[in-house]
C-alpha cells in the first residue's frame, strides 16, 4: 500500500556537465482506484529535539536505483536535453549494445554470426514492407545512403530471381495446373516478363463475362493483366510445363499443335470475345478504367527444351505459333530463361 520512489530529472549543469541528474525520494500511497499519490512531506523545521527521519533502502532497491541512474547518465551523454516532448523506448541491454557498435565492429559481428544476421535482415525487411511508417522509413534510408541503396536493390533483386530459377529447376516436372497458378500468383513479377513492355497483374481468376440467365457458364481467365503505359488488357491462361505443345507427326516432319495447346488457344480466344462483348458492364465498378483496344492473349504451357528435340518439331511449332492471331504461346522454360538473362545483367551491374 506504500512505496518509496525516486523521481529523477535530467538537467543541463553548466558548472559540472557530468552532474546531469538530480531528483528526490518520495513516499507514495495507493488510493482506492490503484492510483499512486505522493504523501505530503513534513518540513524538517517541524522536527523537535530527539526526532528525525530515517530513509532505508534495501540492497536490491539500491542496485536497481544505481542501474536506472546509470541509464539516465548514458541517455544524457547521447542525446543531451531535448526541447519539447520526446518519447524514449527502453531496449534490452543486448540490443542496446548492438546498436552502439561502430561500423567495423558491426561488420565483424555480422560476419561471425551469418545465420543470425540473415534472420535479422529478413525481419527488418518484413517490417519495412508492412509497417504503416514504411514510406517514411524508406525515404529516410534514401536520404541517409543514396549511393548504397541501388547496390542493395540489385542484391535483393538478384536473390529473388535466383530463388525463382531454383524453384523452376526443382518443380518443372510438376503437372498440377493449380500448383502453377498459385506459384505464379506468388511470383507475379515472373508473368510481367511475358511481353516486351512492362505489365501489371490486376487479378487472379478474373471473371470476363459470359454468364447466362441462370447465372452459370461464366468465363474466368487465370490472370488478367494490363500494360503499364496504356492500360491495355492482357489475358493470361496457365497450363503446366508437362502440357504437350505438339501432337503426333502428321506426315513428312510436320507436327500440328497438340490437342491441349489447340484447346487452350480456343479457350483463351473465347474469354477474349466474352471480355470484349461485356466490357462496358464489367468495367462499370472500376474506379480506374482499363483500355479495351485489341486485348492480347498469352498461354503459358509446355517445355520446349524437353519436347522440341528435333529440327522439324522446332520448325513446326514456331511456324504455327507465329501465325496465331492475337495469341502468344510461351513455354515455361522460355519464360524462366528470360529471368536467367536478368540474373546475368544484375550480376554484371553488381560487379
Protein backbone atom coordinates (compact mmCIF):
# COMPACT_ATOMS: atom_id res chain seq x y z
CA UNK A 1 0.00 0.00 0.00
CA UNK A 2 3.01 2.31 0.44
CA UNK A 3 6.12 2.57 -1.71
CA UNK A 4 9.25 4.67 -1.91
CA UNK A 5 10.11 6.07 -5.35
CA UNK A 6 12.92 8.20 -6.72
CA UNK A 7 11.85 10.86 -9.20
CA UNK A 8 14.84 11.77 -11.41
CA UNK A 9 15.21 14.90 -13.53
CA UNK A 10 17.82 15.40 -16.25
CA UNK A 11 19.40 18.84 -16.02
CA UNK A 12 21.87 20.88 -18.03
CA UNK A 13 24.56 21.66 -15.47
CA UNK A 14 26.86 24.43 -16.73
CA UNK A 15 29.15 24.15 -13.70
CA UNK A 16 29.67 20.36 -13.94
CA UNK A 17 28.21 18.88 -17.15
CA UNK A 18 28.75 15.33 -15.87
CA UNK A 19 26.42 16.06 -12.94
CA UNK A 20 23.33 15.87 -15.11
CA UNK A 21 20.82 14.08 -12.86
CA UNK A 22 19.04 15.32 -9.78
CA UNK A 23 15.88 14.14 -8.05
CA UNK A 24 14.03 13.41 -4.86
CA UNK A 25 12.77 10.47 -2.86
CA UNK A 26 9.02 10.45 -2.33
CA UNK A 27 6.73 8.13 -0.41
CA UNK A 28 3.55 7.24 -2.25
CA UNK A 29 0.33 5.66 -1.00
CA UNK A 30 -2.06 3.59 -3.15
CA UNK A 31 -5.58 5.00 -3.47
CA UNK A 32 -8.83 3.10 -3.99
CA UNK A 33 -8.52 3.02 -7.80
CA UNK A 34 -4.97 1.60 -7.65
CA UNK A 35 -3.57 5.06 -8.32
CA UNK A 36 -0.45 6.14 -6.50
CA UNK A 37 -0.44 9.54 -4.80
CA UNK A 38 2.53 11.23 -3.18
CA UNK A 39 2.42 11.55 0.60
CA UNK A 40 2.90 15.20 1.71
CA UNK A 41 6.35 15.75 3.24
CA UNK A 42 6.71 17.27 6.67
CA UNK A 43 9.16 20.18 6.71
CA UNK A 44 12.39 19.48 8.58
CA UNK A 45 11.82 22.70 10.51
CA UNK A 46 8.95 20.95 12.33
CA UNK A 47 11.29 18.42 13.94
CA UNK A 48 11.72 18.63 17.68
CA UNK A 49 14.74 17.72 19.72
CA UNK A 50 15.29 13.96 19.60
CA UNK A 51 13.20 13.46 16.44
CA UNK A 52 14.46 12.64 12.91
CA UNK A 53 13.78 10.99 9.56
CA UNK A 54 15.03 7.55 8.60
CA UNK A 55 15.20 6.61 4.89
CA UNK A 56 16.14 2.94 4.48
CA UNK A 57 16.98 1.45 1.06
CA UNK A 58 17.38 -2.30 0.78
CA UNK A 59 20.28 -3.78 -1.18
CA UNK A 60 18.10 -4.89 -4.15
CA UNK A 61 16.46 -1.48 -4.30
CA UNK A 62 19.81 0.28 -4.20
CA UNK A 63 21.12 -1.89 -7.06
CA UNK A 64 18.03 -1.11 -9.17
CA UNK A 65 18.45 2.60 -8.39
CA UNK A 66 22.09 2.62 -9.49
CA UNK A 67 21.27 0.77 -12.72
CA UNK A 68 18.49 3.17 -13.61
CA UNK A 69 20.60 6.20 -12.77
CA UNK A 70 23.41 4.83 -14.94
CA UNK A 71 20.97 4.55 -17.86
CA UNK A 72 19.92 8.18 -17.33
CA UNK A 73 23.53 9.38 -17.38
CA UNK A 74 24.14 7.46 -20.63
CA UNK A 75 20.94 8.89 -22.09
CA UNK A 76 22.12 12.42 -21.34
CA UNK A 77 25.56 11.78 -22.85
CA UNK A 78 23.98 10.50 -26.08
CA UNK A 79 21.12 12.95 -26.52
CA UNK A 80 21.54 15.81 -24.06
CA UNK A 81 18.45 17.85 -23.16
CA UNK A 82 15.88 17.95 -25.96
CA UNK A 83 13.28 20.68 -26.14
CA UNK A 84 9.63 19.68 -26.30
CA UNK A 85 8.25 16.22 -25.63
CA UNK A 86 10.38 13.19 -26.53
CA UNK A 87 9.45 9.55 -26.11
CA UNK A 88 12.23 7.07 -25.36
CA UNK A 89 11.86 3.33 -25.81
CA UNK A 90 13.70 1.01 -23.42
CA UNK A 91 15.81 -1.64 -25.13
CA UNK A 92 17.21 -4.81 -23.70
CA UNK A 93 20.88 -4.49 -22.85
CA UNK A 94 21.99 -6.81 -25.66
CA UNK A 95 20.15 -4.85 -28.32
CA UNK A 96 21.32 -1.52 -26.89
CA UNK A 97 24.96 -2.64 -27.07
CA UNK A 98 24.38 -3.95 -30.59
CA UNK A 99 23.10 -0.56 -31.76
CA UNK A 100 26.09 1.18 -30.21
CA UNK A 101 28.59 -0.85 -32.27
CA UNK A 102 30.77 1.04 -34.71
CA UNK A 103 30.78 0.10 -38.40
CA UNK A 104 33.88 -2.11 -38.16
CA UNK A 105 32.72 -3.88 -35.00
CA UNK A 106 29.27 -4.37 -36.50
CA UNK A 107 30.74 -5.85 -39.69
CA UNK A 108 32.87 -8.29 -37.69
CA UNK A 109 29.89 -9.27 -35.55
CA UNK A 110 27.63 -9.93 -38.55
CA UNK A 111 30.32 -11.86 -40.42
CA UNK A 112 30.80 -14.15 -37.41
CA UNK A 113 27.03 -14.62 -36.95
CA UNK A 114 25.79 -15.03 -40.54
CA UNK A 115 22.66 -17.02 -39.71
CA UNK A 116 21.60 -14.51 -37.08
CA UNK A 117 22.40 -11.63 -39.43
CA UNK A 118 20.27 -13.14 -42.21
CA UNK A 119 17.38 -13.74 -39.82
CA UNK A 120 17.60 -10.19 -38.51
CA UNK A 121 17.75 -8.73 -42.02
CA UNK A 122 14.68 -10.74 -43.04
CA UNK A 123 12.73 -9.40 -40.06
CA UNK A 124 13.81 -5.84 -40.83
CA UNK A 125 12.77 -6.18 -44.47
CA UNK A 126 9.42 -7.63 -43.42
CA UNK A 127 8.93 -4.71 -41.04
CA UNK A 128 9.89 -2.24 -43.77
CA UNK A 129 7.40 -3.83 -46.17
CA UNK A 130 4.46 -3.99 -43.74
CA UNK A 131 4.95 -1.11 -41.30
CA UNK A 132 2.45 1.76 -41.54
CA UNK A 133 5.53 4.02 -41.47
CA UNK A 134 7.29 2.19 -44.33
CA UNK A 135 7.17 5.15 -46.72
CA UNK A 136 8.74 7.44 -44.15
CA UNK A 137 11.40 4.85 -43.29
CA UNK A 138 12.23 4.26 -46.96
CA UNK A 139 12.54 8.00 -47.56
CA UNK A 140 14.94 8.33 -44.62
CA UNK A 141 17.04 5.45 -45.92
CA UNK A 142 17.19 7.07 -49.34
CA UNK A 143 18.29 10.36 -47.76
CA UNK A 144 20.93 8.77 -45.49
CA UNK A 145 22.56 6.42 -48.01
CA UNK A 146 21.53 7.34 -51.56
CA UNK A 147 24.73 5.85 -53.02
CA UNK A 148 24.29 2.45 -51.34
CA UNK A 149 20.60 1.77 -52.00
CA UNK A 150 20.99 0.95 -55.72
CA UNK A 151 23.55 -1.73 -54.84
CA UNK A 152 21.29 -3.13 -52.13
CA UNK A 153 18.39 -3.15 -54.58
CA UNK A 154 20.48 -5.12 -57.09
CA UNK A 155 21.48 -7.67 -54.43
CA UNK A 156 17.90 -8.21 -53.26
CA UNK A 157 16.50 -8.46 -56.79
CA UNK A 158 19.25 -10.88 -57.74
CA UNK A 159 18.49 -13.09 -54.73
CA UNK A 160 14.77 -13.12 -55.53
CA UNK A 161 15.30 -14.03 -59.20
CA UNK A 162 17.84 -16.73 -58.36
CA UNK A 163 15.44 -18.24 -55.85
CA UNK A 164 12.73 -18.28 -58.53
CA UNK A 165 15.05 -20.04 -61.01
CA UNK A 166 15.87 -22.61 -58.34
CA UNK A 167 12.14 -23.10 -57.77
CA UNK A 168 11.70 -23.75 -61.51
CA UNK A 169 14.52 -26.30 -61.60
CA UNK A 170 13.03 -28.19 -58.66
CA UNK A 171 9.40 -28.19 -59.85
CA UNK A 172 9.44 -28.25 -63.65
CA UNK A 173 8.07 -31.80 -63.71
CA UNK A 174 5.00 -30.85 -61.63
CA UNK A 175 1.86 -31.47 -63.69
CA UNK A 176 -0.66 -29.71 -61.41
CA UNK A 177 -2.30 -26.70 -63.03
CA UNK A 178 -3.44 -25.42 -59.64
CA UNK A 179 0.15 -25.63 -58.35
CA UNK A 180 1.46 -23.42 -61.17
CA UNK A 181 -1.39 -20.94 -60.89
CA UNK A 182 -0.53 -20.46 -57.20
CA UNK A 183 3.22 -20.42 -57.88
CA UNK A 184 2.85 -17.65 -60.45
CA UNK A 185 0.44 -15.79 -58.19
CA UNK A 186 3.15 -15.72 -55.51
CA UNK A 187 5.69 -14.63 -58.14
CA UNK A 188 3.66 -12.21 -60.24
CA UNK A 189 6.83 -10.47 -61.41
CA UNK A 190 7.58 -13.59 -63.48
CA UNK A 191 4.44 -13.02 -65.54
CA UNK A 192 5.41 -9.38 -66.02
CA UNK A 193 8.27 -10.67 -68.20
CA UNK A 194 5.87 -12.23 -70.72
CA UNK A 195 5.74 -9.30 -73.13
CA UNK A 196 8.40 -6.85 -74.24
CA UNK A 197 6.75 -3.98 -72.35
CA UNK A 198 6.04 -3.65 -68.59
CA UNK A 199 2.81 -5.18 -67.29
CA UNK A 200 0.91 -5.25 -64.03
CA UNK A 201 -1.11 -8.25 -62.85
CA UNK A 202 -4.58 -6.96 -61.98
CA UNK A 203 -6.13 -10.10 -60.53
CA UNK A 204 -6.13 -13.87 -60.48
CA UNK A 205 -9.16 -15.89 -61.65
CA UNK A 206 -10.70 -12.83 -63.31
CA UNK A 207 -14.31 -13.02 -64.46
CA UNK A 208 -14.53 -11.85 -68.07
CA UNK A 209 -18.27 -12.19 -68.68
CA UNK A 210 -20.36 -14.82 -70.39
CA UNK A 211 -22.85 -15.80 -67.68
CA UNK A 212 -26.24 -16.95 -68.85
CA UNK A 213 -29.60 -16.00 -67.33
CA UNK A 214 -29.36 -18.84 -64.81
CA UNK A 215 -26.03 -17.39 -63.56
CA UNK A 216 -23.88 -20.22 -64.88
CA UNK A 217 -21.23 -20.77 -67.56
CA UNK A 218 -19.21 -17.67 -66.66
CA UNK A 219 -15.76 -17.28 -68.22
CA UNK A 220 -12.85 -17.00 -65.80
CA UNK A 221 -9.33 -16.38 -67.09
CA UNK A 222 -6.37 -17.39 -64.91
CA UNK A 223 -4.78 -13.91 -64.85
CA UNK A 224 -5.88 -10.52 -66.11
CA UNK A 225 -3.05 -8.02 -66.63
CA UNK A 226 -2.67 -4.54 -68.02
CA UNK A 227 0.10 -2.75 -69.87
CA UNK A 228 1.53 -0.03 -67.62
CA UNK A 229 1.81 2.62 -70.30
CA UNK A 230 -1.62 2.26 -71.95
CA UNK A 231 -3.78 0.23 -69.51
CA UNK A 232 -4.43 -2.21 -72.37
CA UNK A 233 -5.65 -5.58 -71.14
CA UNK A 234 -3.78 -8.87 -71.43
CA UNK A 235 -5.42 -12.26 -70.78
CA UNK A 236 -3.08 -14.96 -69.43
CA UNK A 237 -4.05 -18.62 -69.38
CA UNK A 238 -1.88 -21.00 -67.34
CA UNK A 239 -1.28 -24.65 -68.18
CA UNK A 240 1.65 -26.74 -66.90
CA UNK A 241 5.22 -27.48 -68.04
CA UNK A 242 4.01 -31.00 -68.80
CA UNK A 243 1.39 -29.78 -71.27
CA UNK A 244 2.17 -31.10 -74.77
CA UNK A 245 2.93 -28.41 -77.30
CA UNK A 246 2.78 -30.64 -80.39
CA UNK A 247 0.77 -33.66 -81.39
CA UNK A 248 1.99 -36.77 -83.23
CA UNK A 249 3.72 -36.32 -86.58
CA UNK A 250 1.17 -35.75 -89.35
CA UNK A 251 3.46 -36.53 -92.28
CA UNK A 252 6.91 -35.67 -93.62
CA UNK A 253 8.15 -33.95 -90.44
CA UNK A 254 5.04 -31.81 -89.97
CA UNK A 255 3.75 -31.70 -86.39
CA UNK A 256 0.41 -29.98 -85.60
CA UNK A 257 -0.29 -28.31 -82.28
CA UNK A 258 -1.38 -30.78 -79.64
CA UNK A 259 -4.98 -31.16 -78.54
CA UNK A 260 -4.11 -29.45 -75.23
CA UNK A 261 -2.46 -26.48 -76.96
CA UNK A 262 -5.24 -26.07 -79.52
CA UNK A 263 -7.82 -26.30 -76.75
CA UNK A 264 -6.02 -23.63 -74.73
CA UNK A 265 -5.98 -21.33 -77.77
CA UNK A 266 -9.72 -21.83 -78.33
CA UNK A 267 -10.41 -21.28 -74.64
CA UNK A 268 -8.50 -18.02 -74.28
CA UNK A 269 -9.97 -16.66 -77.53
CA UNK A 270 -13.43 -17.37 -76.15
CA UNK A 271 -12.51 -15.46 -72.98
CA UNK A 272 -11.28 -12.59 -75.13
CA UNK A 273 -14.53 -12.46 -77.11
CA UNK A 274 -16.57 -12.54 -73.89
CA UNK A 275 -14.49 -9.72 -72.39
CA UNK A 276 -14.91 -7.52 -75.47
CA UNK A 277 -18.66 -8.16 -75.61
CA UNK A 278 -19.28 -7.44 -71.90
CA UNK A 279 -16.53 -4.85 -71.44
CA UNK A 280 -18.74 -1.89 -70.50
CA UNK A 281 -20.68 -3.76 -67.81
CA UNK A 282 -17.52 -5.39 -66.42
CA UNK A 283 -15.75 -2.04 -66.10
CA UNK A 284 -18.72 -0.20 -64.56
CA UNK A 285 -17.45 -0.64 -60.98
CA UNK A 286 -13.77 0.09 -61.62
CA UNK A 287 -12.52 3.44 -60.39
CA UNK A 288 -9.62 3.26 -62.87
CA UNK A 289 -10.94 2.15 -66.26
CA UNK A 290 -8.92 -0.14 -68.49
CA UNK A 291 -8.36 0.22 -72.22
CA UNK A 292 -10.18 -2.32 -74.37
CA UNK A 293 -8.36 -1.99 -77.70
CA UNK A 294 -7.43 -5.41 -79.06
CA UNK A 295 -6.59 -7.46 -75.93
CA UNK A 296 -3.57 -9.71 -76.23
CA UNK A 297 -3.87 -13.33 -75.12
CA UNK A 298 -0.97 -15.33 -73.68
CA UNK A 299 -0.80 -19.04 -72.95
CA UNK A 300 1.99 -20.31 -70.68
CA UNK A 301 2.41 -24.02 -71.30
CA UNK A 302 4.88 -26.77 -72.06
CA UNK A 303 8.64 -27.03 -72.08
CA UNK A 304 10.41 -26.53 -75.42
CA UNK A 305 13.71 -27.81 -74.08
CA UNK A 306 12.16 -31.16 -73.15
CA UNK A 307 9.76 -31.56 -76.08
CA UNK A 308 11.17 -29.84 -79.16
CA UNK A 309 14.09 -32.19 -79.53
CA UNK A 310 14.42 -32.13 -83.33
CA UNK A 311 14.60 -29.56 -86.09
CA UNK A 312 11.22 -30.50 -87.65
CA UNK A 313 9.49 -30.17 -84.26
CA UNK A 314 11.04 -26.77 -83.55
CA UNK A 315 10.17 -25.56 -87.04
CA UNK A 316 6.57 -26.83 -86.87
CA UNK A 317 5.98 -25.22 -83.50
CA UNK A 318 7.47 -21.87 -84.49
CA UNK A 319 5.57 -21.73 -87.78
CA UNK A 320 2.25 -22.27 -86.05
CA UNK A 321 2.98 -20.11 -83.01
CA UNK A 322 3.94 -17.07 -85.07
CA UNK A 323 0.77 -17.29 -87.18
CA UNK A 324 -1.70 -17.35 -84.32
CA UNK A 325 -3.88 -14.23 -84.36
CA UNK A 326 -3.76 -12.25 -81.07
CA UNK A 327 -2.48 -15.28 -79.11
CA UNK A 328 1.07 -15.90 -77.91
CA UNK A 329 2.16 -19.33 -76.71
CA UNK A 330 5.10 -19.07 -74.34
CA UNK A 331 6.71 -22.16 -72.85
CA UNK A 332 7.76 -22.25 -69.20
CA UNK A 333 11.44 -22.74 -69.98
CA UNK A 334 11.34 -19.71 -72.30
CA UNK A 335 9.76 -17.61 -69.56
CA UNK A 336 12.31 -18.63 -66.94
CA UNK A 337 15.14 -18.24 -69.46
CA UNK A 338 14.24 -14.56 -69.58
CA UNK A 339 14.77 -14.44 -65.83
CA UNK A 340 18.20 -16.03 -66.21
CA UNK A 341 19.15 -13.15 -68.51
CA UNK A 342 18.08 -10.75 -65.78
CA UNK A 343 20.44 -12.56 -63.41
CA UNK A 344 23.27 -12.05 -65.88
CA UNK A 345 22.51 -8.33 -66.14
CA UNK A 346 22.17 -7.86 -62.37
CA UNK A 347 25.41 -9.73 -61.67
CA UNK A 348 27.20 -7.56 -64.24
CA UNK A 349 25.73 -4.44 -62.61
CA UNK A 350 26.78 -5.58 -59.15
CA UNK A 351 30.44 -6.02 -60.10
